[in-house]
């Protein structure tokens, strides 16, 4: 567990220095995995129609519902490694 947490934190740091900016779908996946790993299932209120970015982020995170924190951390680490 401690190893996964350290790997996750390294991946978070690495995500800030990617050589190329990922496409929007990948950015949403990164966001959703991060939120699921750090905050768990989405319990926030869905943003209104005027906030399209907020809604996209909310939908992406909500799609991760039921994924354990450890699974989300591992998927995040794997995704960042694949982008590096």
PDB file of N, CA and C in Angstrom:
ATOM      1  N   UNK A   1       0.830  -1.200   0.000  1.00  0.00           N
ATOM      2  CA  UNK A   1       0.000   0.000   0.000  1.00  0.00           C
ATOM      3  C   UNK A   1       0.869   1.256   0.000  1.00  0.00           C
ATOM      4  N   UNK A   2       1.891   1.261   0.866  1.00  0.00           N
ATOM      5  CA  UNK A   2       2.771   2.434   0.939  1.00  0.00           C
ATOM      6  C   UNK A   2       3.486   2.637  -0.391  1.00  0.00           C
ATOM      7  N   UNK A   3       3.843   1.517  -1.050  1.00  0.00           N
ATOM      8  CA  UNK A   3       4.511   1.611  -2.348  1.00  0.00           C
ATOM      9  C   UNK A   3       3.583   2.230  -3.387  1.00  0.00           C
ATOM     10  N   UNK A   4       2.317   1.794  -3.399  1.00  0.00           N
ATOM     11  CA  UNK A   4       1.346   2.322  -4.357  1.00  0.00           C
ATOM     12  C   UNK A   4       1.136   3.815  -4.118  1.00  0.00           C
ATOM     13  N   UNK A   5       1.034   4.211  -2.853  1.00  0.00           N
ATOM     14  CA  UNK A   5       0.844   5.633  -2.519  1.00  0.00           C
ATOM     15  C   UNK A   5       2.041   6.449  -3.009  1.00  0.00           C
ATOM     16  N   UNK A   6       3.244   5.925  -2.818  1.00  0.00           N
ATOM     17  CA  UNK A   6       4.449   6.632  -3.275  1.00  0.00           C
ATOM     18  C   UNK A   6       4.480   6.710  -4.798  1.00  0.00           C
ATOM     19  N   UNK A   7       4.109   5.606  -5.458  1.00  0.00           N
ATOM     20  CA  UNK A   7       4.055   5.588  -6.931  1.00  0.00           C
ATOM     21  C   UNK A   7       3.027   6.595  -7.440  1.00  0.00           C
ATOM     22  N   UNK A   8       1.875   6.641  -6.751  1.00  0.00           N
ATOM     23  CA  UNK A   8       0.805   7.567  -7.123  1.00  0.00           C
ATOM     24  C   UNK A   8       1.284   9.009  -6.997  1.00  0.00           C
ATOM     25  N   UNK A   9       1.922   9.329  -5.871  1.00  0.00           N
ATOM     26  CA  UNK A   9       2.406  10.692  -5.659  1.00  0.00           C
ATOM     27  C   UNK A   9       3.464  11.075  -6.697  1.00  0.00           C
ATOM     28  N   UNK A  10       4.307  10.107  -7.077  1.00  0.00           N
ATOM     29  CA  UNK A  10       5.315  10.356  -8.113  1.00  0.00           C
ATOM     30  C   UNK A  10       4.628  10.596  -9.463  1.00  0.00           C
ATOM     31  N   UNK A  11       3.563   9.820  -9.737  1.00  0.00           N
ATOM     32  CA  UNK A  11       2.824   9.978 -10.995  1.00  0.00           C
ATOM     33  C   UNK A  11       2.124  11.335 -11.037  1.00  0.00           C
ATOM     34  N   UNK A  12       1.589  11.775  -9.909  1.00  0.00           N
ATOM     35  CA  UNK A  12       0.940  13.091  -9.842  1.00  0.00           C
ATOM     36  C   UNK A  12       1.972  14.175 -10.172  1.00  0.00           C
ATOM     37  N   UNK A  13       3.150  14.063  -9.587  1.00  0.00           N
ATOM     38  CA  UNK A  13       4.213  15.030  -9.866  1.00  0.00           C
ATOM     39  C   UNK A  13       4.621  14.946 -11.340  1.00  0.00           C
ATOM     40  N   UNK A  14       4.715  13.719 -11.866  1.00  0.00           N
ATOM     41  CA  UNK A  14       5.092  13.512 -13.259  1.00  0.00           C
ATOM     42  C   UNK A  14       4.056  14.024 -14.240  1.00  0.00           C
ATOM     43  N   UNK A  15       2.794  14.023 -13.828  1.00  0.00           N
ATOM     44  CA  UNK A  15       1.721  14.469 -14.724  1.00  0.00           C
ATOM     45  C   UNK A  15       1.852  15.957 -15.045  1.00  0.00           C
ATOM     46  N   UNK A  16       2.515  16.686 -14.175  1.00  0.00           N
ATOM     47  CA  UNK A  16       2.681  18.129 -14.376  1.00  0.00           C
ATOM     48  C   UNK A  16       3.806  18.449 -15.360  1.00  0.00           C
ATOM     49  N   UNK A  17       4.614  17.434 -15.686  1.00  0.00           N
ATOM     50  CA  UNK A  17       5.748  17.686 -16.587  1.00  0.00           C
ATOM     51  C   UNK A  17       5.720  16.780 -17.819  1.00  0.00           C
ATOM     52  N   UNK A  18       4.522  16.427 -18.269  1.00  0.00           N
ATOM     53  CA  UNK A  18       4.407  15.640 -19.492  1.00  0.00           C
ATOM     54  C   UNK A  18       4.920  16.462 -20.671  1.00  0.00           C
ATOM     55  N   UNK A  19       5.573  15.806 -21.618  1.00  0.00           N
ATOM     56  CA  UNK A  19       6.137  16.531 -22.754  1.00  0.00           C
ATOM     57  C   UNK A  19       5.050  17.061 -23.685  1.00  0.00           C
ATOM     58  N   UNK A  20       3.943  16.320 -23.805  1.00  0.00           N
ATOM     59  CA  UNK A  20       2.831  16.728 -24.668  1.00  0.00           C
ATOM     60  C   UNK A  20       1.562  16.859 -23.848  1.00  0.00           C
ATOM     61  N   UNK A  21       0.729  17.843 -24.183  1.00  0.00           N
ATOM     62  CA  UNK A  21      -0.559  17.976 -23.505  1.00  0.00           C
ATOM     63  C   UNK A  21      -1.491  16.889 -24.031  1.00  0.00           C
ATOM     64  N   UNK A  22      -2.043  16.058 -23.121  1.00  0.00           N
ATOM     65  CA  UNK A  22      -2.981  15.014 -23.569  1.00  0.00           C
ATOM     66  C   UNK A  22      -4.262  15.621 -24.145  1.00  0.00           C
ATOM     67  N   UNK A  23      -4.979  14.827 -24.947  1.00  0.00           N
ATOM     68  CA  UNK A  23      -6.257  15.297 -25.488  1.00  0.00           C
ATOM     69  C   UNK A  23      -7.269  15.429 -24.347  1.00  0.00           C
ATOM     70  N   UNK A  24      -8.386  16.087 -24.628  1.00  0.00           N
ATOM     71  CA  UNK A  24      -9.382  16.372 -23.588  1.00  0.00           C
ATOM     72  C   UNK A  24      -9.937  15.110 -22.932  1.00  0.00           C
ATOM     73  N   UNK A  25     -10.177  14.061 -23.710  1.00  0.00           N
ATOM     74  CA  UNK A  25     -10.718  12.817 -23.135  1.00  0.00           C
ATOM     75  C   UNK A  25      -9.730  12.224 -22.131  1.00  0.00           C
ATOM     76  N   UNK A  26      -8.444  12.274 -22.472  1.00  0.00           N
ATOM     77  CA  UNK A  26      -7.422  11.746 -21.571  1.00  0.00           C
ATOM     78  C   UNK A  26      -7.296  12.623 -20.333  1.00  0.00           C
ATOM     79  N   UNK A  27      -7.387  13.929 -20.515  1.00  0.00           N
ATOM     80  CA  UNK A  27      -7.334  14.833 -19.368  1.00  0.00           C
ATOM     81  C   UNK A  27      -8.496  14.566 -18.406  1.00  0.00           C
ATOM     82  N   UNK A  28      -9.683  14.306 -18.951  1.00  0.00           N
ATOM     83  CA  UNK A  28     -10.832  13.982 -18.102  1.00  0.00           C
ATOM     84  C   UNK A  28     -10.610  12.672 -17.355  1.00  0.00           C
ATOM     85  N   UNK A  29     -10.000  11.705 -18.022  1.00  0.00           N
ATOM     86  CA  UNK A  29      -9.705  10.412 -17.379  1.00  0.00           C
ATOM     87  C   UNK A  29      -8.707  10.620 -16.237  1.00  0.00           C
ATOM     88  N   UNK A  30      -7.670  11.422 -16.490  1.00  0.00           N
ATOM     89  CA  UNK A  30      -6.678  11.721 -15.453  1.00  0.00           C
ATOM     90  C   UNK A  30      -7.369  12.381 -14.256  1.00  0.00           C
ATOM     91  N   UNK A  31      -8.219  13.364 -14.539  1.00  0.00           N
ATOM     92  CA  UNK A  31      -8.943  14.073 -13.484  1.00  0.00           C
ATOM     93  C   UNK A  31      -9.818  13.106 -12.679  1.00  0.00           C
ATOM     94  N   UNK A  32     -10.582  12.283 -13.390  1.00  0.00           N
ATOM     95  CA  UNK A  32     -11.510  11.367 -12.722  1.00  0.00           C
ATOM     96  C   UNK A  32     -10.767  10.361 -11.853  1.00  0.00           C
ATOM     97  N   UNK A  33      -9.676   9.810 -12.364  1.00  0.00           N
ATOM     98  CA  UNK A  33      -8.898   8.847 -11.584  1.00  0.00           C
ATOM     99  C   UNK A  33      -8.288   9.508 -10.350  1.00  0.00           C
ATOM    100  N   UNK A  34      -7.791  10.739 -10.521  1.00  0.00           N
ATOM    101  CA  UNK A  34      -7.207  11.460  -9.383  1.00  0.00           C
ATOM    102  C   UNK A  34      -8.263  11.696  -8.305  1.00  0.00           C
ATOM    103  N   UNK A  35      -9.419  12.207  -8.709  1.00  0.00           N
ATOM    104  CA  UNK A  35     -10.480  12.495  -7.742  1.00  0.00           C
ATOM    105  C   UNK A  35     -10.955  11.211  -7.052  1.00  0.00           C
ATOM    106  N   UNK A  36     -11.097  10.123  -7.818  1.00  0.00           N
ATOM    107  CA  UNK A  36     -11.549   8.864  -7.237  1.00  0.00           C
ATOM    108  C   UNK A  36     -10.511   8.331  -6.250  1.00  0.00           C
ATOM    109  N   UNK A  37      -9.236   8.464  -6.602  1.00  0.00           N
ATOM    110  CA  UNK A  37      -8.159   7.968  -5.739  1.00  0.00           C
ATOM    111  C   UNK A  37      -8.040   8.781  -4.454  1.00  0.00           C
ATOM    112  N   UNK A  38      -8.282  10.081  -4.550  1.00  0.00           N
ATOM    113  CA  UNK A  38      -8.068  10.947  -3.387  1.00  0.00           C
ATOM    114  C   UNK A  38      -9.334  11.237  -2.588  1.00  0.00           C
ATOM    115  N   UNK A  39     -10.497  11.264  -3.253  1.00  0.00           N
ATOM    116  CA  UNK A  39     -11.731  11.652  -2.556  1.00  0.00           C
ATOM    117  C   UNK A  39     -12.784  10.544  -2.521  1.00  0.00           C
ATOM    118  N   UNK A  40     -12.607   9.475  -3.303  1.00  0.00           N
ATOM    119  CA  UNK A  40     -13.605   8.415  -3.343  1.00  0.00           C
ATOM    120  C   UNK A  40     -14.756   8.759  -4.268  1.00  0.00           C
ATOM    121  N   UNK A  41     -15.879   8.078  -4.066  1.00  0.00           N
ATOM    122  CA  UNK A  41     -17.043   8.281  -4.938  1.00  0.00           C
ATOM    123  C   UNK A  41     -17.527   9.734  -4.912  1.00  0.00           C
ATOM    124  N   UNK A  42     -17.990  10.187  -6.068  1.00  0.00           N
ATOM    125  CA  UNK A  42     -18.494  11.547  -6.233  1.00  0.00           C
ATOM    126  C   UNK A  42     -19.805  11.708  -5.471  1.00  0.00           C
ATOM    127  N   UNK A  43     -19.831  12.663  -4.556  1.00  0.00           N
ATOM    128  CA  UNK A  43     -21.066  12.972  -3.820  1.00  0.00           C
ATOM    129  C   UNK A  43     -21.471  14.422  -4.027  1.00  0.00           C
ATOM    130  N   UNK A  44     -20.750  15.114  -4.912  1.00  0.00           N
ATOM    131  CA  UNK A  44     -21.046  16.522  -5.161  1.00  0.00           C
ATOM    132  C   UNK A  44     -22.258  16.677  -6.075  1.00  0.00           C
ATOM    133  N   UNK A  45     -22.878  17.850  -5.994  1.00  0.00           N
ATOM    134  CA  UNK A  45     -24.027  18.170  -6.839  1.00  0.00           C
ATOM    135  C   UNK A  45     -23.547  18.412  -8.274  1.00  0.00           C
ATOM    136  N   UNK A  46     -24.308  17.924  -9.242  1.00  0.00           N
ATOM    137  CA  UNK A  46     -23.943  18.094 -10.648  1.00  0.00           C
ATOM    138  C   UNK A  46     -24.058  19.566 -11.039  1.00  0.00           C
ATOM    139  N   UNK A  47     -23.010  20.118 -11.679  1.00  0.00           N
ATOM    140  CA  UNK A  47     -23.062  21.523 -12.113  1.00  0.00           C
ATOM    141  C   UNK A  47     -24.179  21.755 -13.133  1.00  0.00           C
ATOM    142  N   UNK A  48     -24.609  22.993 -13.235  1.00  0.00           N
ATOM    143  CA  UNK A  48     -25.672  23.358 -14.159  1.00  0.00           C
ATOM    144  C   UNK A  48     -25.217  23.344 -15.610  1.00  0.00           C
ATOM    145  N   UNK A  49     -26.166  23.521 -16.525  1.00  0.00           N
ATOM    146  CA  UNK A  49     -25.887  23.474 -17.965  1.00  0.00           C
ATOM    147  C   UNK A  49     -24.899  24.543 -18.412  1.00  0.00           C
ATOM    148  N   UNK A  50     -24.832  25.664 -17.713  1.00  0.00           N
ATOM    149  CA  UNK A  50     -23.927  26.741 -18.089  1.00  0.00           C
ATOM    150  C   UNK A  50     -22.458  26.414 -17.862  1.00  0.00           C
ATOM    151  N   UNK A  51     -22.193  25.453 -17.003  1.00  0.00           N
ATOM    152  CA  UNK A  51     -20.823  25.081 -16.660  1.00  0.00           C
ATOM    153  C   UNK A  51     -20.454  23.779 -17.378  1.00  0.00           C
ATOM    154  N   UNK A  52     -20.134  23.904 -18.665  1.00  0.00           N
ATOM    155  CA  UNK A  52     -19.881  22.700 -19.472  1.00  0.00           C
ATOM    156  C   UNK A  52     -18.630  21.949 -19.030  1.00  0.00           C
ATOM    157  N   UNK A  53     -17.586  22.681 -18.658  1.00  0.00           N
ATOM    158  CA  UNK A  53     -16.358  22.029 -18.198  1.00  0.00           C
ATOM    159  C   UNK A  53     -16.614  21.313 -16.876  1.00  0.00           C
ATOM    160  N   UNK A  54     -17.284  21.991 -15.965  1.00  0.00           N
ATOM    161  CA  UNK A  54     -17.625  21.388 -14.672  1.00  0.00           C
ATOM    162  C   UNK A  54     -18.467  20.139 -14.827  1.00  0.00           C
ATOM    163  N   UNK A  55     -19.427  20.188 -15.757  1.00  0.00           N
ATOM    164  CA  UNK A  55     -20.275  19.013 -16.001  1.00  0.00           C
ATOM    165  C   UNK A  55     -19.465  17.856 -16.565  1.00  0.00           C
ATOM    166  N   UNK A  56     -18.550  18.150 -17.490  1.00  0.00           N
ATOM    167  CA  UNK A  56     -17.719  17.093 -18.084  1.00  0.00           C
ATOM    168  C   UNK A  56     -16.849  16.446 -17.012  1.00  0.00           C
ATOM    169  N   UNK A  57     -16.277  17.263 -16.139  1.00  0.00           N
ATOM    170  CA  UNK A  57     -15.455  16.724 -15.051  1.00  0.00           C
ATOM    171  C   UNK A  57     -16.316  15.896 -14.098  1.00  0.00           C
ATOM    172  N   UNK A  58     -17.496  16.418 -13.748  1.00  0.00           N
ATOM    173  CA  UNK A  58     -18.393  15.721 -12.836  1.00  0.00           C
ATOM    174  C   UNK A  58     -18.790  14.363 -13.425  1.00  0.00           C
ATOM    175  N   UNK A  59     -19.157  14.358 -14.718  1.00  0.00           N
ATOM    176  CA  UNK A  59     -19.552  13.110 -15.381  1.00  0.00           C
ATOM    177  C   UNK A  59     -18.407  12.101 -15.406  1.00  0.00           C
ATOM    178  N   UNK A  60     -17.201  12.580 -15.694  1.00  0.00           N
ATOM    179  CA  UNK A  60     -16.039  11.681 -15.736  1.00  0.00           C
ATOM    180  C   UNK A  60     -15.787  11.074 -14.364  1.00  0.00           C
ATOM    181  N   UNK A  61     -15.808  11.901 -13.325  1.00  0.00           N
ATOM    182  CA  UNK A  61     -15.572  11.402 -11.974  1.00  0.00           C
ATOM    183  C   UNK A  61     -16.704  10.476 -11.550  1.00  0.00           C
ATOM    184  N   UNK A  62     -17.944  10.850 -11.849  1.00  0.00           N
ATOM    185  CA  UNK A  62     -19.089  10.034 -11.464  1.00  0.00           C
ATOM    186  C   UNK A  62     -19.042   8.663 -12.149  1.00  0.00           C
ATOM    187  N   UNK A  63     -18.440   8.611 -13.338  1.00  0.00           N
ATOM    188  CA  UNK A  63     -18.298   7.336 -14.048  1.00  0.00           C
ATOM    189  C   UNK A  63     -17.358   6.366 -13.358  1.00  0.00           C
ATOM    190  N   UNK A  64     -16.568   6.853 -12.424  1.00  0.00           N
ATOM    191  CA  UNK A  64     -15.628   6.007 -11.680  1.00  0.00           C
ATOM    192  C   UNK A  64     -16.261   5.425 -10.414  1.00  0.00           C
ATOM    193  N   UNK A  65     -17.521   5.782 -10.160  1.00  0.00           N
ATOM    194  CA  UNK A  65     -18.202   5.353  -8.926  1.00  0.00           C
ATOM    195  C   UNK A  65     -18.046   3.846  -8.714  1.00  0.00           C
ATOM    196  N   UNK A  66     -17.687   3.478  -7.495  1.00  0.00           N
ATOM    197  CA  UNK A  66     -17.519   2.073  -7.154  1.00  0.00           C
ATOM    198  C   UNK A  66     -16.088   1.566  -7.312  1.00  0.00           C
ATOM    199  N   UNK A  67     -15.233   2.351  -7.954  1.00  0.00           N
ATOM    200  CA  UNK A  67     -13.832   1.968  -8.101  1.00  0.00           C
ATOM    201  C   UNK A  67     -13.116   2.268  -6.790  1.00  0.00           C
ATOM    202  N   UNK A  68     -12.369   1.302  -6.277  1.00  0.00           N
ATOM    203  CA  UNK A  68     -11.675   1.518  -5.007  1.00  0.00           C
ATOM    204  C   UNK A  68     -10.558   2.541  -5.176  1.00  0.00           C
ATOM    205  N   UNK A  69     -10.167   3.147  -4.079  1.00  0.00           N
ATOM    206  CA  UNK A  69      -9.086   4.142  -4.112  1.00  0.00           C
ATOM    207  C   UNK A  69      -7.809   3.511  -4.669  1.00  0.00           C
ATOM    208  N   UNK A  70      -7.500   2.291  -4.242  1.00  0.00           N
ATOM    209  CA  UNK A  70      -6.277   1.631  -4.707  1.00  0.00           C
ATOM    210  C   UNK A  70      -6.329   1.347  -6.199  1.00  0.00           C
ATOM    211  N   UNK A  71      -7.483   0.889  -6.693  1.00  0.00           N
ATOM    212  CA  UNK A  71      -7.637   0.635  -8.136  1.00  0.00           C
ATOM    213  C   UNK A  71      -7.453   1.928  -8.924  1.00  0.00           C
ATOM    214  N   UNK A  72      -8.068   2.997  -8.438  1.00  0.00           N
ATOM    215  CA  UNK A  72      -7.954   4.285  -9.116  1.00  0.00           C
ATOM    216  C   UNK A  72      -6.505   4.771  -9.108  1.00  0.00           C
ATOM    217  N   UNK A  73      -5.816   4.591  -7.984  1.00  0.00           N
ATOM    218  CA  UNK A  73      -4.402   4.980  -7.916  1.00  0.00           C
ATOM    219  C   UNK A  73      -3.582   4.205  -8.942  1.00  0.00           C
ATOM    220  N   UNK A  74      -3.807   2.893  -9.012  1.00  0.00           N
ATOM    221  CA  UNK A  74      -3.035   2.058  -9.936  1.00  0.00           C
ATOM    222  C   UNK A  74      -3.323   2.444 -11.386  1.00  0.00           C
ATOM    223  N   UNK A  75      -4.591   2.670 -11.714  1.00  0.00           N
ATOM    224  CA  UNK A  75      -4.953   3.079 -13.069  1.00  0.00           C
ATOM    225  C   UNK A  75      -4.337   4.436 -13.412  1.00  0.00           C
ATOM    226  N   UNK A  76      -4.305   5.340 -12.435  1.00  0.00           N
ATOM    227  CA  UNK A  76      -3.705   6.659 -12.636  1.00  0.00           C
ATOM    228  C   UNK A  76      -2.216   6.507 -12.939  1.00  0.00           C
ATOM    229  N   UNK A  77      -1.530   5.720 -12.124  1.00  0.00           N
ATOM    230  CA  UNK A  77      -0.081   5.480 -12.311  1.00  0.00           C
ATOM    231  C   UNK A  77       0.170   4.897 -13.691  1.00  0.00           C
ATOM    232  N   UNK A  78      -0.623   3.887 -14.069  1.00  0.00           N
ATOM    233  CA  UNK A  78      -0.450   3.237 -15.382  1.00  0.00           C
ATOM    234  C   UNK A  78      -0.694   4.226 -16.522  1.00  0.00           C
ATOM    235  N   UNK A  79      -1.715   5.060 -16.398  1.00  0.00           N
ATOM    236  CA  UNK A  79      -2.040   6.016 -17.450  1.00  0.00           C
ATOM    237  C   UNK A  79      -0.920   7.055 -17.608  1.00  0.00           C
ATOM    238  N   UNK A  80      -0.442   7.590 -16.500  1.00  0.00           N
ATOM    239  CA  UNK A  80       0.632   8.594 -16.567  1.00  0.00           C
ATOM    240  C   UNK A  80       1.902   7.964 -17.162  1.00  0.00           C
ATOM    241  N   UNK A  81       2.199   6.716 -16.757  1.00  0.00           N
ATOM    242  CA  UNK A  81       3.376   6.035 -17.324  1.00  0.00           C
ATOM    243  C   UNK A  81       3.230   5.881 -18.834  1.00  0.00           C
ATOM    244  N   UNK A  82       2.034   5.563 -19.303  1.00  0.00           N
ATOM    245  CA  UNK A  82       1.820   5.368 -20.742  1.00  0.00           C
ATOM    246  C   UNK A  82       1.960   6.680 -21.519  1.00  0.00           C
ATOM    247  N   UNK A  83       1.747   7.807 -20.844  1.00  0.00           N
ATOM    248  CA  UNK A  83       1.839   9.113 -21.492  1.00  0.00           C
ATOM    249  C   UNK A  83       3.257   9.696 -21.443  1.00  0.00           C
ATOM    250  N   UNK A  84       4.093   9.140 -20.587  1.00  0.00           N
ATOM    251  CA  UNK A  84       5.463   9.676 -20.420  1.00  0.00           C
ATOM    252  C   UNK A  84       6.386   9.214 -21.517  1.00  0.00           C
TER     253      UNK A  84
END
